[in-house]
């Protein structure tokens, strides 16, 4: 599956639970996860993104500690968008 084919999940970089680990418990993240339906599973590769700001590849897992899905970001794939650029929407 190419990067362009990966499901996209909104996230907030402010919800960093640990180094490279981002919580997906905010309503926009939860809605994106729900749209995955039966595709949602441990180890699923996705793009996590903050529209107009940044995006990166990540691997999903369910965290019993947070009782929510989390994404382990691959910062080698991190792309920042220039201010005012709507890429990544």
Protein backbone atom coordinates (compact mmCIF):
# COMPACT_ATOMS: atom_id res chain seq x y z
CA UNK A 1 0.00 0.00 0.00
CA UNK A 2 1.49 3.34 -0.98
CA UNK A 3 1.48 6.38 1.27
CA UNK A 4 -1.29 7.90 -0.88
CA UNK A 5 -3.50 4.86 -0.19
CA UNK A 6 -3.12 4.94 3.59
CA UNK A 7 -6.18 5.95 5.64
CA UNK A 8 -5.96 9.45 7.10
CA UNK A 9 -6.69 10.12 10.78
CA UNK A 10 -6.82 13.61 12.28
CA UNK A 11 -4.72 14.15 15.39
CA UNK A 12 -3.56 16.95 17.63
CA UNK A 13 0.18 17.19 18.19
CA UNK A 14 -0.73 18.55 21.62
CA UNK A 15 -2.04 15.11 22.60
CA UNK A 16 1.38 13.48 22.75
CA UNK A 17 1.13 10.65 25.27
CA UNK A 18 4.83 9.72 25.05
CA UNK A 19 7.71 10.16 22.62
CA UNK A 20 6.24 9.62 19.12
CA UNK A 21 2.95 8.38 20.65
CA UNK A 22 -0.16 10.45 20.01
CA UNK A 23 -3.61 10.02 21.55
CA UNK A 24 -6.53 9.66 19.16
CA UNK A 25 -9.29 10.38 21.67
CA UNK A 26 -10.50 13.78 20.48
CA UNK A 27 -13.83 13.80 18.60
CA UNK A 28 -12.31 14.41 15.14
CA UNK A 29 -9.86 11.52 15.62
CA UNK A 30 -12.60 9.22 16.91
CA UNK A 31 -14.79 10.07 13.90
CA UNK A 32 -11.96 9.23 11.49
CA UNK A 33 -11.32 5.94 13.31
CA UNK A 34 -15.03 5.06 13.17
CA UNK A 35 -14.97 5.61 9.39
CA UNK A 36 -12.35 2.84 9.14
CA UNK A 37 -14.98 0.33 10.28
CA UNK A 38 -13.73 -3.25 10.01
CA UNK A 39 -10.36 -2.02 8.77
CA UNK A 40 -9.49 -0.65 12.26
CA UNK A 41 -7.02 -2.98 13.98
CA UNK A 42 -3.77 -3.13 15.93
CA UNK A 43 -0.81 -2.46 13.66
CA UNK A 44 -2.77 -0.64 10.94
CA UNK A 45 -0.55 1.85 9.09
CA UNK A 46 -2.19 5.27 8.65
CA UNK A 47 -1.34 8.90 8.02
CA UNK A 48 -1.98 11.08 11.06
CA UNK A 49 -2.43 14.73 10.16
CA UNK A 50 -3.17 18.20 11.38
CA UNK A 51 -4.61 19.82 8.23
CA UNK A 52 -2.50 22.66 6.93
CA UNK A 53 0.24 21.96 9.51
CA UNK A 54 1.80 18.50 9.36
CA UNK A 55 1.37 14.82 8.66
CA UNK A 56 3.30 11.58 9.12
CA UNK A 57 2.90 7.84 8.85
CA UNK A 58 1.94 6.04 12.05
CA UNK A 59 0.99 2.63 13.39
CA UNK A 60 -2.23 2.27 15.39
CA UNK A 61 -2.61 0.40 18.65
CA UNK A 62 -5.19 0.32 21.40
CA UNK A 63 -3.94 1.56 24.77
CA UNK A 64 -5.62 0.02 27.83
CA UNK A 65 -3.86 2.70 29.89
CA UNK A 66 -5.68 5.50 28.04
CA UNK A 67 -8.70 3.39 27.03
CA UNK A 68 -8.30 4.81 23.54
CA UNK A 69 -6.52 4.29 20.24
CA UNK A 70 -3.06 5.79 19.92
CA UNK A 71 -0.72 6.27 16.98
CA UNK A 72 3.03 5.72 17.08
CA UNK A 73 4.34 8.30 14.63
CA UNK A 74 7.23 7.65 12.26
CA UNK A 75 8.99 10.99 12.46
CA UNK A 76 11.19 10.02 9.49
CA UNK A 77 8.06 10.56 7.38
CA UNK A 78 7.10 13.88 9.02
CA UNK A 79 6.08 16.61 6.57
CA UNK A 80 5.46 20.19 7.73
CA UNK A 81 3.33 22.47 5.59
CA UNK A 82 4.17 26.16 5.24
CA UNK A 83 1.86 28.50 7.13
CA UNK A 84 -1.27 29.18 5.08
CA UNK A 85 -0.82 26.08 2.91
CA UNK A 86 -3.90 23.87 2.86
CA UNK A 87 -1.97 20.71 1.88
CA UNK A 88 -2.77 17.73 4.03
CA UNK A 89 -6.46 18.55 4.28
